[in-house]
Every structure is written in structure tokens, then in C-alpha cells.
Amino acid sequence: MPTVFIKRAYEAAAESDGYRILVDRLWPRGRTKDQMALAQWSKDWAPTSALRTWFNHRPDRFAEFSRRYTSEMEDNPAIREALTSLPKKRVTLVYGARDPKINHAVVLAAYLKRHGK
């Protein structure tokens, strides 16, 4: 399993990011393809639109959001495939949310680290 990090889409891409994957369903506003410097865009790794809308980045809902999103990931074939197909190097999950601690990329990174081989 690669080393997994997270980074906001609005921070400059860096060589040290390694393999950059956008993990949002929606493209970050105001960002160009060149600015993002992505290796891939995996929208199907993101929470469902219904869950994302319910969560609405409310801190009081983060624990329940994490539980629900983890449950979604358990049933998501794209996540299962990611666990075996990610490159064996540094991977940076790129997300657009403002809060660096309360967002889906935090939950996704933890899940990948926990379940990776």
C-alpha cells in the first residue's frame, strides 16, 4: 500500500505530492486542469451526492458522516479496486473542501490506510 496523504485542491501542486488523485465528484471551482496536475480523477470514490448534501460540512455531523461514508465505501467496487491498484508510491488525495480536518478525504485516506495491503 502506498503512503497516502491529503491536500486541498487550492494548494499548489508539488512534485513531492507524488501520484495526485482528485477524489471529489465535482471539479473544484476556479481550478484549471494544469493547476491541478492530476494523475487521475476518481469521482466514484467520493461520498454519494445525498450523503454529501446531508453532511454539508457540519462539524456536529462529522462522526455520523464518517460512519455512513465508511459504510458506502464497504459496498463500493471502485474502492475495492483502488485497494489493489494504487501505485506503490506516495499518493495524494486532492479535495476541494475548506476544512482540512472535517472532510471526506480524511475518512477516505484513513480507510485506504486501514484496508490497504
C-alpha atoms as a PDB file:
ATOM      1  CA  MET A   1       0.000   0.000   0.000  1.00  0.00           C
ATOM      2  CA  PRO A   2       1.331   3.428  -0.853  1.00  0.00           C
ATOM      3  CA  THR A   3       1.800   6.228   1.623  1.00  0.00           C
ATOM      4  CA  VAL A   4      -1.444   8.230   1.487  1.00  0.00           C
ATOM      5  CA  PHE A   5      -1.684  11.976   2.101  1.00  0.00           C
ATOM      6  CA  ILE A   6      -4.407  14.548   1.540  1.00  0.00           C
ATOM      7  CA  LYS A   7      -4.189  18.075   0.149  1.00  0.00           C
ATOM      8  CA  ARG A   8      -6.626  20.829  -0.740  1.00  0.00           C
ATOM      9  CA  ALA A   9      -7.191  21.462  -4.420  1.00  0.00           C
ATOM     10  CA  TYR A  10      -6.459  25.146  -3.794  1.00  0.00           C
ATOM     11  CA  GLU A  11      -2.914  24.471  -2.597  1.00  0.00           C
ATOM     12  CA  ALA A  12      -0.241  24.431  -5.293  1.00  0.00           C
ATOM     13  CA  ALA A  13       0.659  21.043  -6.696  1.00  0.00           C
ATOM     14  CA  ALA A  14       4.177  19.918  -5.838  1.00  0.00           C
ATOM     15  CA  GLU A  15       6.482  17.223  -7.121  1.00  0.00           C
ATOM     16  CA  SER A  16       6.542  15.800  -3.588  1.00  0.00           C
ATOM     17  CA  ASP A  17       2.788  15.074  -3.835  1.00  0.00           C
ATOM     18  CA  GLY A  18       3.564  12.006  -5.903  1.00  0.00           C
ATOM     19  CA  TYR A  19       0.527  10.474  -7.614  1.00  0.00           C
ATOM     20  CA  ARG A  20      -2.297  13.058  -7.297  1.00  0.00           C
ATOM     21  CA  ILE A  21      -5.922  11.868  -7.349  1.00  0.00           C
ATOM     22  CA  LEU A  22      -8.905  14.212  -7.231  1.00  0.00           C
ATOM     23  CA  VAL A  23     -11.474  12.474  -5.013  1.00  0.00           C
ATOM     24  CA  ASP A  24     -14.415  14.901  -5.365  1.00  0.00           C
ATOM     25  CA  ARG A  25     -17.489  14.319  -7.506  1.00  0.00           C
ATOM     26  CA  LEU A  26     -17.384  17.953  -8.617  1.00  0.00           C
ATOM     27  CA  TRP A  27     -14.444  19.798 -10.166  1.00  0.00           C
ATOM     28  CA  PRO A  28     -13.075  22.457  -7.759  1.00  0.00           C
ATOM     29  CA  ARG A  29     -14.231  25.947  -8.749  1.00  0.00           C
ATOM     30  CA  GLY A  30     -11.689  28.209 -10.333  1.00  0.00           C
ATOM     31  CA  ARG A  31      -9.050  25.500 -10.804  1.00  0.00           C
ATOM     32  CA  THR A  32      -7.665  24.577 -14.197  1.00  0.00           C
ATOM     33  CA  LYS A  33      -6.532  21.164 -15.314  1.00  0.00           C
ATOM     34  CA  ASP A  34      -2.922  22.385 -15.370  1.00  0.00           C
ATOM     35  CA  GLN A  35      -3.136  23.816 -11.845  1.00  0.00           C
ATOM     36  CA  MET A  36      -4.480  20.537 -10.528  1.00  0.00           C
ATOM     37  CA  ALA A  37      -1.675  18.414 -12.063  1.00  0.00           C
ATOM     38  CA  LEU A  38      -3.675  15.228 -11.526  1.00  0.00           C
ATOM     39  CA  ALA A  39      -2.770  11.683 -12.395  1.00  0.00           C
ATOM     40  CA  GLN A  40      -6.457  10.740 -12.179  1.00  0.00           C
ATOM     41  CA  TRP A  41      -9.909  11.933 -11.143  1.00  0.00           C
ATOM     42  CA  SER A  42     -11.809   9.315  -9.153  1.00  0.00           C
ATOM     43  CA  LYS A  43     -15.264  10.788  -8.604  1.00  0.00           C
ATOM     44  CA  ASP A  44     -16.663   7.368  -7.772  1.00  0.00           C
ATOM     45  CA  TRP A  45     -14.523   7.289  -4.604  1.00  0.00           C
ATOM     46  CA  ALA A  46     -16.392  10.308  -3.234  1.00  0.00           C
ATOM     47  CA  PRO A  47     -19.457  10.020  -0.999  1.00  0.00           C
ATOM     48  CA  THR A  48     -22.811   9.900  -2.735  1.00  0.00           C
ATOM     49  CA  SER A  49     -24.406  13.231  -3.526  1.00  0.00           C
ATOM     50  CA  ALA A  50     -27.154  12.534  -0.985  1.00  0.00           C
ATOM     51  CA  LEU A  51     -24.635  11.904   1.810  1.00  0.00           C
ATOM     52  CA  ARG A  52     -22.519  14.902   0.843  1.00  0.00           C
ATOM     53  CA  THR A  53     -25.597  17.150   0.858  1.00  0.00           C
ATOM     54  CA  TRP A  54     -26.752  15.802   4.237  1.00  0.00           C
ATOM     55  CA  PHE A  55     -23.297  16.299   5.789  1.00  0.00           C
ATOM     56  CA  ASN A  56     -22.944  19.873   4.482  1.00  0.00           C
ATOM     57  CA  HIS A  57     -19.519  20.068   6.195  1.00  0.00           C
ATOM     58  CA  ARG A  58     -21.168  20.478   9.593  1.00  0.00           C
ATOM     59  CA  PRO A  59     -18.735  19.537  12.384  1.00  0.00           C
ATOM     60  CA  ASP A  60     -21.582  18.165  14.526  1.00  0.00           C
ATOM     61  CA  ARG A  61     -22.362  15.635  11.779  1.00  0.00           C
ATOM     62  CA  PHE A  62     -18.805  14.517  11.028  1.00  0.00           C
ATOM     63  CA  ALA A  63     -18.824  11.381  13.205  1.00  0.00           C
ATOM     64  CA  GLU A  64     -22.080  10.157  11.661  1.00  0.00           C
ATOM     65  CA  PHE A  65     -20.900  11.198   8.202  1.00  0.00           C
ATOM     66  CA  SER A  66     -17.705   9.175   8.700  1.00  0.00           C
ATOM     67  CA  ARG A  67     -19.722   6.121   9.714  1.00  0.00           C
ATOM     68  CA  ARG A  68     -22.079   6.424   6.731  1.00  0.00           C
ATOM     69  CA  TYR A  69     -19.299   7.124   4.247  1.00  0.00           C
ATOM     70  CA  THR A  70     -17.289   4.158   5.538  1.00  0.00           C
ATOM     71  CA  SER A  71     -20.373   2.015   5.024  1.00  0.00           C
ATOM     72  CA  GLU A  72     -20.664   3.321   1.452  1.00  0.00           C
ATOM     73  CA  MET A  73     -17.017   2.501   0.809  1.00  0.00           C
ATOM     74  CA  GLU A  74     -17.526  -1.082   2.010  1.00  0.00           C
ATOM     75  CA  ASP A  75     -20.026  -1.573  -0.829  1.00  0.00           C
ATOM     76  CA  ASN A  76     -18.149   0.449  -3.465  1.00  0.00           C
ATOM     77  CA  PRO A  77     -16.383  -1.703  -6.093  1.00  0.00           C
ATOM     78  CA  ALA A  78     -14.222   1.271  -7.152  1.00  0.00           C
ATOM     79  CA  ILE A  79     -12.783   1.491  -3.627  1.00  0.00           C
ATOM     80  CA  ARG A  80     -12.107  -2.259  -3.539  1.00  0.00           C
ATOM     81  CA  GLU A  81     -10.270  -1.944  -6.850  1.00  0.00           C
ATOM     82  CA  ALA A  82      -8.290   1.053  -5.558  1.00  0.00           C
ATOM     83  CA  LEU A  83      -7.009  -1.015  -2.653  1.00  0.00           C
ATOM     84  CA  THR A  84      -5.228  -3.322  -5.083  1.00  0.00           C
ATOM     85  CA  SER A  85      -4.397  -0.984  -7.954  1.00  0.00           C
ATOM     86  CA  LEU A  86      -2.972   2.175  -6.373  1.00  0.00           C
ATOM     87  CA  PRO A  87       0.660   2.771  -7.304  1.00  0.00           C
ATOM     88  CA  LYS A  88       3.143   1.676  -4.649  1.00  0.00           C
ATOM     89  CA  LYS A  89       4.439   5.173  -4.045  1.00  0.00           C
ATOM     90  CA  ARG A  90       3.287   8.390  -2.432  1.00  0.00           C
ATOM     91  CA  VAL A  91      -0.361   9.127  -3.248  1.00  0.00           C
ATOM     92  CA  THR A  92      -2.036  12.459  -2.507  1.00  0.00           C
ATOM     93  CA  LEU A  93      -5.819  12.576  -2.364  1.00  0.00           C
ATOM     94  CA  VAL A  94      -6.889  16.013  -3.566  1.00  0.00           C
ATOM     95  CA  TYR A  95     -10.150  17.520  -2.265  1.00  0.00           C
ATOM     96  CA  GLY A  96     -11.927  20.853  -2.511  1.00  0.00           C
ATOM     97  CA  ALA A  97     -13.435  21.267   0.982  1.00  0.00           C
ATOM     98  CA  ARG A  98     -12.295  24.213   3.113  1.00  0.00           C
ATOM     99  CA  ASP A  99     -11.749  22.391   6.398  1.00  0.00           C
ATOM    100  CA  PRO A 100      -8.608  20.217   6.371  1.00  0.00           C
ATOM    101  CA  LYS A 101      -9.844  18.046   9.262  1.00  0.00           C
ATOM    102  CA  ILE A 102     -13.559  17.678   8.571  1.00  0.00           C
ATOM    103  CA  ASN A 103     -13.945  16.393   5.031  1.00  0.00           C
ATOM    104  CA  HIS A 104     -14.401  13.147   3.153  1.00  0.00           C
ATOM    105  CA  ALA A 105     -10.733  12.872   2.087  1.00  0.00           C
ATOM    106  CA  VAL A 106      -9.765  12.424   5.759  1.00  0.00           C
ATOM    107  CA  VAL A 107     -12.166   9.481   6.031  1.00  0.00           C
ATOM    108  CA  LEU A 108     -11.112   8.038   2.666  1.00  0.00           C
ATOM    109  CA  ALA A 109      -7.384   8.248   3.479  1.00  0.00           C
ATOM    110  CA  ALA A 110      -7.932   6.525   6.819  1.00  0.00           C
ATOM    111  CA  TYR A 111      -9.976   3.814   5.121  1.00  0.00           C
ATOM    112  CA  LEU A 112      -7.322   3.185   2.457  1.00  0.00           C
ATOM    113  CA  LYS A 113      -4.566   3.028   5.105  1.00  0.00           C
ATOM    114  CA  ARG A 114      -6.621   0.643   7.266  1.00  0.00           C
ATOM    115  CA  HIS A 115      -7.609  -1.707   4.457  1.00  0.00           C
ATOM    116  CA  GLY A 116      -4.575  -1.495   2.183  1.00  0.00           C
ATOM    117  CA  LYS A 117      -2.203  -4.383   1.802  1.00  0.00           C
END
